[in-house]
Amino acid sequence: MSAYATVEQYRNDTGDSTTEELRVSATLEQQSAKLRAHLGITSKKKLTDDQQMLARLLVVDAARKTLIPPTLDGFGDVSGAKSASFSANGFQAQVAVTNPSGSAYFDRDTLNTLKKLLGRSQRIGTISPY
């Protein structure tokens, strides 16, 4: 199966024009496979336009988190940092980095929306009083 996004779509959505094309393509394919596995999408499943758009959004966002290291103005690349603080002339600031490792993950809200469109958002459970 192919990736849910092309390299050109990735570049348009993220503005990342410096990452090597082969690396972007491979990452998009990996994240697409991860999304299919997570949601149980088989090769026979044809996604609607809305489902395809959400899948593209999830895959591009996850690929961006992997390919573009987190940066902070004045600090540059902060990969691996959990927080930073600085002070100058009585001014103080603290910053917490939410994804210091640069690992890919799917946005929970968008993932839940796609699950609803696929009919997989309902949970079934039972409670036994005994």
N, C-alpha and C. Protein backbone atom coordinates (compact mmCIF):
# COMPACT_ATOMS: atom_id res chain seq x y z
N MET A 1 0.84 -1.18 0.00
CA MET A 1 0.00 0.00 0.00
C MET A 1 0.88 1.24 0.00
N SER A 2 0.35 2.28 -0.52
CA SER A 2 1.13 3.51 -0.61
C SER A 2 0.90 4.41 0.60
N ALA A 3 1.70 5.44 0.69
CA ALA A 3 1.58 6.40 1.78
C ALA A 3 0.34 7.25 1.59
N TYR A 4 -0.20 7.75 2.68
CA TYR A 4 -1.38 8.62 2.64
C TYR A 4 -1.05 10.04 2.20
N ALA A 5 0.22 10.35 2.07
CA ALA A 5 0.64 11.68 1.63
C ALA A 5 1.86 11.55 0.72
N THR A 6 1.98 12.46 -0.21
CA THR A 6 3.14 12.50 -1.09
C THR A 6 4.19 13.43 -0.50
N VAL A 7 5.38 13.37 -1.04
CA VAL A 7 6.45 14.26 -0.60
C VAL A 7 6.04 15.71 -0.87
N GLU A 8 5.43 15.95 -2.01
CA GLU A 8 5.00 17.32 -2.35
C GLU A 8 3.95 17.82 -1.35
N GLN A 9 2.99 16.97 -0.98
CA GLN A 9 1.99 17.36 0.02
C GLN A 9 2.65 17.64 1.36
N TYR A 10 3.62 16.81 1.73
CA TYR A 10 4.36 17.03 2.98
C TYR A 10 5.03 18.39 2.95
N ARG A 11 5.72 18.69 1.87
CA ARG A 11 6.44 19.96 1.76
C ARG A 11 5.49 21.15 1.79
N ASN A 12 4.34 21.04 1.11
CA ASN A 12 3.35 22.13 1.13
C ASN A 12 2.76 22.33 2.51
N ASP A 13 2.45 21.25 3.20
CA ASP A 13 1.80 21.34 4.51
C ASP A 13 2.76 21.82 5.61
N THR A 14 4.03 21.43 5.52
CA THR A 14 4.97 21.74 6.60
C THR A 14 5.93 22.87 6.29
N GLY A 15 6.13 23.16 5.02
CA GLY A 15 7.12 24.17 4.64
C GLY A 15 8.55 23.65 4.70
N ASP A 16 8.72 22.36 4.95
CA ASP A 16 10.04 21.74 5.03
C ASP A 16 10.54 21.43 3.62
N SER A 17 11.44 22.24 3.13
CA SER A 17 11.98 22.01 1.79
C SER A 17 13.42 21.51 1.84
N THR A 18 13.97 21.31 3.02
CA THR A 18 15.38 20.94 3.14
C THR A 18 15.61 19.45 3.38
N THR A 19 14.64 18.75 3.93
CA THR A 19 14.83 17.32 4.21
C THR A 19 14.88 16.55 2.90
N GLU A 20 15.80 15.63 2.81
CA GLU A 20 16.01 14.82 1.61
C GLU A 20 14.73 14.09 1.21
N GLU A 21 14.43 14.07 -0.07
CA GLU A 21 13.19 13.49 -0.58
C GLU A 21 13.03 12.02 -0.22
N LEU A 22 14.09 11.24 -0.33
CA LEU A 22 14.01 9.82 0.01
C LEU A 22 13.67 9.62 1.49
N ARG A 23 14.22 10.44 2.34
CA ARG A 23 13.95 10.35 3.79
C ARG A 23 12.50 10.70 4.09
N VAL A 24 11.99 11.76 3.43
CA VAL A 24 10.59 12.15 3.61
C VAL A 24 9.68 11.03 3.13
N SER A 25 9.95 10.50 1.95
CA SER A 25 9.12 9.44 1.38
C SER A 25 9.08 8.22 2.27
N ALA A 26 10.25 7.81 2.77
CA ALA A 26 10.32 6.64 3.65
C ALA A 26 9.55 6.88 4.95
N THR A 27 9.68 8.06 5.51
CA THR A 27 8.98 8.39 6.76
C THR A 27 7.48 8.42 6.55
N LEU A 28 7.02 8.97 5.44
CA LEU A 28 5.58 8.98 5.14
C LEU A 28 5.05 7.56 5.00
N GLU A 29 5.80 6.70 4.34
CA GLU A 29 5.37 5.30 4.20
C GLU A 29 5.32 4.60 5.56
N GLN A 30 6.35 4.84 6.40
CA GLN A 30 6.37 4.23 7.73
C GLN A 30 5.20 4.68 8.57
N GLN A 31 4.91 5.97 8.57
CA GLN A 31 3.82 6.49 9.39
C GLN A 31 2.46 6.03 8.84
N SER A 32 2.36 5.88 7.53
CA SER A 32 1.12 5.36 6.93
C SER A 32 0.89 3.92 7.36
N ALA A 33 1.96 3.12 7.34
CA ALA A 33 1.85 1.73 7.79
C ALA A 33 1.47 1.66 9.27
N LYS A 34 2.06 2.53 10.06
CA LYS A 34 1.75 2.60 11.49
C LYS A 34 0.28 2.95 11.71
N LEU A 35 -0.23 3.92 10.93
CA LEU A 35 -1.63 4.32 11.06
C LEU A 35 -2.56 3.19 10.64
N ARG A 36 -2.24 2.51 9.54
CA ARG A 36 -3.08 1.38 9.10
C ARG A 36 -3.10 0.29 10.16
N ALA A 37 -1.95 -0.01 10.75
CA ALA A 37 -1.88 -1.04 11.79
C ALA A 37 -2.66 -0.62 13.02
N HIS A 38 -2.53 0.63 13.40
CA HIS A 38 -3.21 1.13 14.60
C HIS A 38 -4.73 1.08 14.45
N LEU A 39 -5.22 1.38 13.25
CA LEU A 39 -6.66 1.43 13.04
C LEU A 39 -7.23 0.17 12.39
N GLY A 40 -6.38 -0.78 12.06
CA GLY A 40 -6.85 -2.01 11.44
C GLY A 40 -7.38 -1.81 10.03
N ILE A 41 -6.78 -0.90 9.28
CA ILE A 41 -7.21 -0.64 7.91
C ILE A 41 -6.52 -1.66 7.01
N THR A 42 -7.30 -2.49 6.34
CA THR A 42 -6.77 -3.52 5.46
C THR A 42 -6.51 -2.96 4.06
N SER A 43 -5.81 -3.73 3.26
CA SER A 43 -5.50 -3.31 1.90
C SER A 43 -6.75 -3.22 1.04
N LYS A 44 -7.81 -3.90 1.41
CA LYS A 44 -9.06 -3.88 0.64
C LYS A 44 -9.94 -2.67 0.99
N LYS A 45 -9.64 -2.00 2.08
CA LYS A 45 -10.45 -0.87 2.54
C LYS A 45 -10.18 0.36 1.70
N LYS A 46 -11.22 0.91 1.09
CA LYS A 46 -11.13 2.16 0.32
C LYS A 46 -11.64 3.27 1.21
N LEU A 47 -10.78 4.27 1.47
CA LEU A 47 -11.15 5.38 2.34
C LEU A 47 -11.95 6.42 1.56
N THR A 48 -12.91 7.05 2.25
CA THR A 48 -13.65 8.16 1.65
C THR A 48 -12.72 9.37 1.57
N ASP A 49 -13.16 10.41 0.89
CA ASP A 49 -12.34 11.61 0.77
C ASP A 49 -12.02 12.21 2.14
N ASP A 50 -13.02 12.27 3.03
CA ASP A 50 -12.79 12.81 4.38
C ASP A 50 -11.81 11.96 5.17
N GLN A 51 -11.97 10.64 5.08
CA GLN A 51 -11.06 9.74 5.79
C GLN A 51 -9.64 9.87 5.24
N GLN A 52 -9.52 9.99 3.92
CA GLN A 52 -8.22 10.15 3.29
C GLN A 52 -7.55 11.45 3.74
N MET A 53 -8.34 12.53 3.84
CA MET A 53 -7.79 13.82 4.26
C MET A 53 -7.28 13.76 5.70
N LEU A 54 -8.04 13.11 6.58
CA LEU A 54 -7.60 12.99 7.97
C LEU A 54 -6.36 12.09 8.09
N ALA A 55 -6.32 11.02 7.29
CA ALA A 55 -5.15 10.15 7.29
C ALA A 55 -3.92 10.92 6.82
N ARG A 56 -4.09 11.74 5.80
CA ARG A 56 -2.98 12.58 5.31
C ARG A 56 -2.51 13.52 6.41
N LEU A 57 -3.45 14.18 7.07
CA LEU A 57 -3.11 15.12 8.14
C LEU A 57 -2.31 14.43 9.24
N LEU A 58 -2.76 13.26 9.65
CA LEU A 58 -2.07 12.52 10.72
C LEU A 58 -0.66 12.10 10.30
N VAL A 59 -0.54 11.57 9.09
CA VAL A 59 0.75 11.07 8.61
C VAL A 59 1.75 12.21 8.41
N VAL A 60 1.31 13.32 7.82
CA VAL A 60 2.20 14.46 7.60
C VAL A 60 2.66 15.05 8.93
N ASP A 61 1.74 15.18 9.87
CA ASP A 61 2.09 15.74 11.18
C ASP A 61 3.09 14.85 11.92
N ALA A 62 2.85 13.54 11.90
CA ALA A 62 3.77 12.62 12.56
C ALA A 62 5.14 12.62 11.89
N ALA A 63 5.16 12.69 10.57
CA ALA A 63 6.44 12.74 9.85
C ALA A 63 7.20 14.02 10.17
N ARG A 64 6.48 15.14 10.26
CA ARG A 64 7.12 16.41 10.60
C ARG A 64 7.77 16.33 11.98
N LYS A 65 7.08 15.71 12.92
CA LYS A 65 7.63 15.59 14.28
C LYS A 65 8.92 14.77 14.29
N THR A 66 9.04 13.84 13.35
CA THR A 66 10.23 13.00 13.26
C THR A 66 11.36 13.70 12.52
N LEU A 67 11.02 14.39 11.43
CA LEU A 67 12.03 14.92 10.52
C LEU A 67 12.57 16.30 10.89
N ILE A 68 11.76 17.12 11.56
CA ILE A 68 12.17 18.48 11.90
C ILE A 68 12.44 18.53 13.40
N PRO A 69 13.70 18.72 13.79
CA PRO A 69 14.01 18.75 15.23
C PRO A 69 13.37 19.96 15.90
N PRO A 70 12.91 19.80 17.15
CA PRO A 70 12.31 20.94 17.85
C PRO A 70 13.34 22.04 18.07
N THR A 71 12.95 23.28 17.85
CA THR A 71 13.84 24.42 18.05
C THR A 71 13.12 25.50 18.84
N LEU A 72 13.92 26.30 19.52
CA LEU A 72 13.42 27.47 20.22
C LEU A 72 14.25 28.66 19.79
N ASP A 73 13.61 29.79 19.56
CA ASP A 73 14.35 31.00 19.21
C ASP A 73 15.37 31.31 20.28
N GLY A 74 16.58 31.54 19.87
CA GLY A 74 17.65 31.85 20.80
C GLY A 74 18.39 30.63 21.32
N PHE A 75 17.77 29.45 21.21
CA PHE A 75 18.40 28.23 21.68
C PHE A 75 18.77 27.30 20.54
N GLY A 76 18.06 27.40 19.40
CA GLY A 76 18.33 26.51 18.28
C GLY A 76 17.72 25.14 18.52
N ASP A 77 18.42 24.10 18.07
CA ASP A 77 17.96 22.72 18.20
C ASP A 77 17.93 22.33 19.68
N VAL A 78 16.77 21.90 20.16
CA VAL A 78 16.63 21.51 21.56
C VAL A 78 16.25 20.03 21.70
N SER A 79 16.64 19.22 20.72
CA SER A 79 16.35 17.78 20.79
C SER A 79 16.88 17.21 22.09
N GLY A 80 16.05 16.50 22.79
CA GLY A 80 16.44 15.88 24.05
C GLY A 80 16.24 16.75 25.28
N ALA A 81 16.03 18.05 25.08
CA ALA A 81 15.81 18.94 26.23
C ALA A 81 14.36 18.88 26.66
N LYS A 82 14.13 18.87 27.95
CA LYS A 82 12.76 18.86 28.46
C LYS A 82 12.30 20.26 28.82
N SER A 83 13.24 21.10 29.21
CA SER A 83 12.88 22.48 29.56
C SER A 83 14.11 23.37 29.40
N ALA A 84 13.84 24.66 29.32
CA ALA A 84 14.91 25.64 29.22
C ALA A 84 14.47 26.89 29.97
N SER A 85 15.42 27.59 30.53
CA SER A 85 15.10 28.84 31.19
C SER A 85 16.23 29.83 30.93
N PHE A 86 15.89 31.09 30.96
CA PHE A 86 16.89 32.12 30.77
C PHE A 86 16.42 33.40 31.44
N SER A 87 17.37 34.27 31.69
CA SER A 87 17.04 35.58 32.26
C SER A 87 18.03 36.61 31.72
N ALA A 88 17.53 37.82 31.56
CA ALA A 88 18.37 38.93 31.08
C ALA A 88 17.71 40.23 31.50
N ASN A 89 18.48 41.09 32.14
CA ASN A 89 17.99 42.42 32.54
C ASN A 89 16.67 42.38 33.30
N GLY A 90 16.54 41.47 34.21
CA GLY A 90 15.33 41.38 35.02
C GLY A 90 14.20 40.60 34.36
N PHE A 91 14.38 40.18 33.15
CA PHE A 91 13.36 39.39 32.43
C PHE A 91 13.70 37.92 32.57
N GLN A 92 12.72 37.12 32.93
CA GLN A 92 12.93 35.68 33.08
C GLN A 92 11.90 34.93 32.26
N ALA A 93 12.31 33.79 31.72
CA ALA A 93 11.38 32.95 30.96
C ALA A 93 11.74 31.49 31.15
N GLN A 94 10.74 30.66 31.14
CA GLN A 94 10.92 29.21 31.20
C GLN A 94 10.08 28.60 30.09
N VAL A 95 10.62 27.58 29.47
CA VAL A 95 9.94 26.90 28.37
C VAL A 95 10.01 25.41 28.62
N ALA A 96 8.90 24.72 28.42
CA ALA A 96 8.87 23.26 28.49
C ALA A 96 8.65 22.72 27.09
N VAL A 97 9.48 21.78 26.68
CA VAL A 97 9.37 21.17 25.36
C VAL A 97 8.52 19.92 25.49
N THR A 98 7.44 19.84 24.70
CA THR A 98 6.50 18.73 24.84
C THR A 98 6.94 17.46 24.14
N ASN A 99 7.79 17.55 23.14
CA ASN A 99 8.26 16.36 22.43
C ASN A 99 9.78 16.45 22.26
N PRO A 100 10.52 16.35 23.36
CA PRO A 100 11.96 16.57 23.28
C PRO A 100 12.71 15.53 22.46
N SER A 101 12.14 14.34 22.34
CA SER A 101 12.86 13.28 21.63
C SER A 101 12.73 13.39 20.13
N GLY A 102 11.73 14.14 19.65
CA GLY A 102 11.50 14.22 18.23
C GLY A 102 10.84 12.97 17.68
N SER A 103 10.19 12.19 18.55
CA SER A 103 9.54 10.97 18.08
C SER A 103 8.18 11.28 17.48
N ALA A 104 7.75 10.42 16.57
CA ALA A 104 6.47 10.61 15.90
C ALA A 104 5.34 10.08 16.77
N TYR A 105 4.24 10.81 16.77
CA TYR A 105 3.02 10.34 17.41
C TYR A 105 1.85 10.99 16.68
N PHE A 106 0.69 10.36 16.77
CA PHE A 106 -0.50 10.87 16.10
C PHE A 106 -1.26 11.79 17.04
N ASP A 107 -1.74 12.89 16.50
CA ASP A 107 -2.57 13.82 17.24
C ASP A 107 -3.84 13.09 17.70
N ARG A 108 -4.10 13.09 18.99
CA ARG A 108 -5.20 12.31 19.57
C ARG A 108 -6.57 12.74 19.05
N ASP A 109 -6.81 14.04 18.94
CA ASP A 109 -8.11 14.53 18.49
C ASP A 109 -8.39 14.11 17.05
N THR A 110 -7.41 14.29 16.18
CA THR A 110 -7.58 13.92 14.78
C THR A 110 -7.72 12.42 14.64
N LEU A 111 -6.95 11.66 15.40
CA LEU A 111 -7.04 10.20 15.37
C LEU A 111 -8.42 9.73 15.81
N ASN A 112 -8.97 10.33 16.87
CA ASN A 112 -10.30 9.95 17.33
C ASN A 112 -11.37 10.31 16.30
N THR A 113 -11.18 11.43 15.59
CA THR A 113 -12.13 11.82 14.55
C THR A 113 -12.10 10.81 13.41
N LEU A 114 -10.91 10.39 13.01
CA LEU A 114 -10.80 9.38 11.96
C LEU A 114 -11.41 8.06 12.41
N LYS A 115 -11.20 7.69 13.67
CA LYS A 115 -11.82 6.47 14.20
C LYS A 115 -13.33 6.53 14.08
N LYS A 116 -13.92 7.69 14.38
CA LYS A 116 -15.37 7.84 14.26
C LYS A 116 -15.82 7.65 12.84
N LEU A 117 -15.09 8.25 11.89
CA LEU A 117 -15.45 8.11 10.49
C LEU A 117 -15.33 6.66 10.01
N LEU A 118 -14.41 5.92 10.60
CA LEU A 118 -14.24 4.51 10.25
C LEU A 118 -15.21 3.60 11.01
N GLY A 119 -15.97 4.18 11.95
CA GLY A 119 -16.91 3.38 12.74
C GLY A 119 -16.24 2.57 13.81
N ARG A 120 -15.09 3.03 14.30
CA ARG A 120 -14.34 2.27 15.30
C ARG A 120 -14.19 3.01 16.62
N SER A 121 -15.04 3.98 16.88
CA SER A 121 -14.84 4.77 18.09
C SER A 121 -15.62 4.27 19.29
N GLN A 122 -16.56 3.38 19.08
CA GLN A 122 -17.37 2.93 20.20
C GLN A 122 -16.71 1.77 20.91
N ARG A 123 -16.76 1.82 22.22
CA ARG A 123 -16.20 0.74 23.02
C ARG A 123 -17.34 -0.09 23.60
N ILE A 124 -17.08 -1.34 23.75
CA ILE A 124 -18.07 -2.23 24.34
C ILE A 124 -17.47 -2.79 25.62
N GLY A 125 -18.23 -2.78 26.67
CA GLY A 125 -17.75 -3.30 27.93
C GLY A 125 -18.91 -3.79 28.78
N THR A 126 -18.59 -4.56 29.76
CA THR A 126 -19.61 -5.05 30.68
C THR A 126 -19.12 -4.84 32.11
N ILE A 127 -20.07 -4.71 32.99
CA ILE A 127 -19.76 -4.59 34.40
C ILE A 127 -20.46 -5.73 35.11
N SER A 128 -19.71 -6.49 35.84
CA SER A 128 -20.29 -7.60 36.58
C SER A 128 -20.46 -7.20 38.03
N PRO A 129 -21.68 -7.24 38.54
CA PRO A 129 -21.90 -6.83 39.93
C PRO A 129 -21.38 -7.84 40.95
N TYR A 130 -20.98 -9.00 40.51
CA TYR A 130 -20.55 -10.05 41.45
C TYR A 130 -19.08 -10.18 41.49
